[in-house]
Amino acid sequence: MSGLTTHILDLTHGLPASNVTIELYSVSNAERYLLKTTVTNSDGRLDQPLLSGEERKVGTYELVFHIGDYFRSKNLTLPQPLFLDIVPVRFGISNIDSHYHVPLLVSPYGYQIYRGS
């Protein structure tokens, strides 16, 4: 399988992060171009790849995770403004025949991102 996928795990609750808005941008010459907006399902994943087929192109991309809205919906007592509200992750795709999986592990105070499988 090739394409671009992601998933989000809520480390605070030990659960997948559902109903999180994610935006995908292509980046060229310091300009961002919105390609897609989607929302995670109950398993913290997307129902469809962010990029597949002819959408896949070598280049720089940015995923924007709207994690603040997710944590607000959990009725946690958090200071305002939130420490983490919107988490942007910029990365490159160098091989359109490879699968790129970009998972986000997140809490209200930190996150980790990596290239998964």
Protein backbone atom coordinates (compact mmCIF):
# COMPACT_ATOMS: atom_id res chain seq x y z
CA MET A 1 0.00 0.00 0.00
CA SER A 2 1.22 3.52 -0.72
CA GLY A 3 -0.20 6.88 0.19
CA LEU A 4 -0.47 9.11 3.25
CA THR A 5 -2.31 8.14 6.43
CA THR A 6 -2.36 9.21 10.07
CA HIS A 7 -3.91 8.36 13.39
CA ILE A 8 -4.07 10.08 16.78
CA LEU A 9 -3.69 8.51 20.20
CA ASP A 10 -4.76 10.44 23.32
CA LEU A 11 -2.06 9.62 25.89
CA THR A 12 -4.00 11.30 28.71
CA HIS A 13 -6.93 8.91 28.46
CA GLY A 14 -5.17 5.98 26.79
CA LEU A 15 -7.63 6.03 23.90
CA PRO A 16 -7.78 6.86 20.20
CA ALA A 17 -8.63 10.53 19.65
CA SER A 18 -11.93 10.67 17.77
CA ASN A 19 -13.53 13.68 16.09
CA VAL A 20 -10.27 15.59 15.64
CA THR A 21 -10.16 17.90 12.64
CA ILE A 22 -7.07 17.49 10.48
CA GLU A 23 -6.05 19.70 7.58
CA LEU A 24 -3.56 18.67 4.91
CA TYR A 25 -1.58 21.35 3.07
CA SER A 26 0.99 21.19 0.31
CA VAL A 27 3.85 23.63 0.84
CA SER A 28 5.73 25.34 -1.96
CA ASN A 29 7.95 28.43 -1.80
CA ALA A 30 6.83 29.09 1.80
CA GLU A 31 3.17 29.16 0.69
CA ARG A 32 0.62 26.65 2.00
CA TYR A 33 -2.21 25.29 -0.13
CA LEU A 34 -5.10 23.50 1.57
CA LEU A 35 -5.66 20.09 -0.03
CA LYS A 36 -8.06 18.42 2.34
CA THR A 37 -9.90 18.75 5.65
CA THR A 38 -11.07 15.62 7.43
CA VAL A 39 -12.01 14.28 10.89
CA THR A 40 -10.79 11.21 12.75
CA ASN A 41 -13.19 8.33 13.31
CA SER A 42 -13.88 6.48 16.59
CA ASP A 43 -10.57 4.62 16.22
CA GLY A 44 -8.60 7.89 15.89
CA ARG A 45 -7.98 7.10 12.22
CA LEU A 46 -9.28 8.37 8.90
CA ASP A 47 -11.75 6.45 6.78
CA GLN A 48 -9.71 7.21 3.65
CA PRO A 49 -6.02 7.97 3.04
CA LEU A 50 -5.15 11.66 2.92
CA LEU A 51 -3.29 11.08 -0.35
CA SER A 52 -3.60 8.11 -2.66
CA GLY A 53 -3.38 7.29 -6.35
CA GLU A 54 -2.60 10.27 -8.54
CA GLU A 55 -2.85 12.67 -5.58
CA ARG A 56 0.57 11.45 -4.42
CA LYS A 57 3.36 13.80 -5.41
CA VAL A 58 6.91 14.34 -4.24
CA GLY A 59 7.00 17.46 -2.09
CA THR A 60 6.60 19.12 1.25
CA TYR A 61 3.35 18.76 3.17
CA GLU A 62 1.89 19.94 6.43
CA LEU A 63 -0.65 18.22 8.65
CA VAL A 64 -2.49 20.52 11.05
CA PHE A 65 -4.09 18.74 13.99
CA HIS A 66 -6.81 20.71 15.82
CA ILE A 67 -6.11 19.02 19.11
CA GLY A 68 -7.28 21.85 21.38
CA ASP A 69 -10.91 21.37 20.36
CA TYR A 70 -10.57 17.67 21.14
CA PHE A 71 -9.26 18.26 24.68
CA ARG A 72 -11.89 20.96 25.30
CA SER A 73 -14.55 18.36 24.47
CA LYS A 74 -13.17 16.08 27.19
CA ASN A 75 -14.15 18.56 29.93
CA LEU A 76 -10.65 18.60 31.40
CA THR A 77 -9.69 21.44 33.70
CA LEU A 78 -7.07 23.14 31.56
CA PRO A 79 -5.62 26.65 31.75
CA GLN A 80 -6.59 29.13 29.06
CA PRO A 81 -5.11 29.61 26.62
CA LEU A 82 -4.32 25.95 26.11
CA PHE A 83 -0.65 25.00 26.01
CA LEU A 84 -1.33 22.98 22.82
CA ASP A 85 -4.19 24.05 20.59
CA ILE A 86 -3.16 23.53 16.98
CA VAL A 87 -0.28 21.17 16.19
CA PRO A 88 1.33 21.67 12.75
CA VAL A 89 3.67 18.99 11.40
CA ARG A 90 5.68 19.69 8.25
CA PHE A 91 7.30 16.75 6.47
CA GLY A 92 8.52 15.65 3.06
CA ILE A 93 7.41 12.90 0.73
CA SER A 94 10.33 11.79 -1.43
CA ASN A 95 8.98 8.52 -2.86
CA ILE A 96 5.39 8.32 -4.13
CA ASP A 97 5.60 4.53 -4.25
CA SER A 98 6.15 4.34 -0.47
CA HIS A 99 3.54 4.49 2.25
CA TYR A 100 3.82 7.44 4.63
CA HIS A 101 2.06 7.02 7.97
CA VAL A 102 2.34 10.01 10.31
CA PRO A 103 0.88 9.16 13.75
CA LEU A 104 0.38 11.74 16.50
CA LEU A 105 0.65 10.76 20.18
CA VAL A 106 -0.71 13.65 22.21
CA SER A 107 -1.62 15.01 25.64
CA PRO A 108 -2.59 18.58 26.59
CA TYR A 109 1.08 19.32 27.32
CA GLY A 110 3.11 17.42 24.76
CA TYR A 111 3.14 15.35 21.62
CA GLN A 112 5.27 13.00 19.60
CA ILE A 113 5.16 12.49 15.88
CA TYR A 114 7.01 9.88 13.86
CA ARG A 115 6.99 8.07 10.55
CA GLY A 116 5.10 4.88 11.20
CA SER A 117 4.42 1.90 9.01
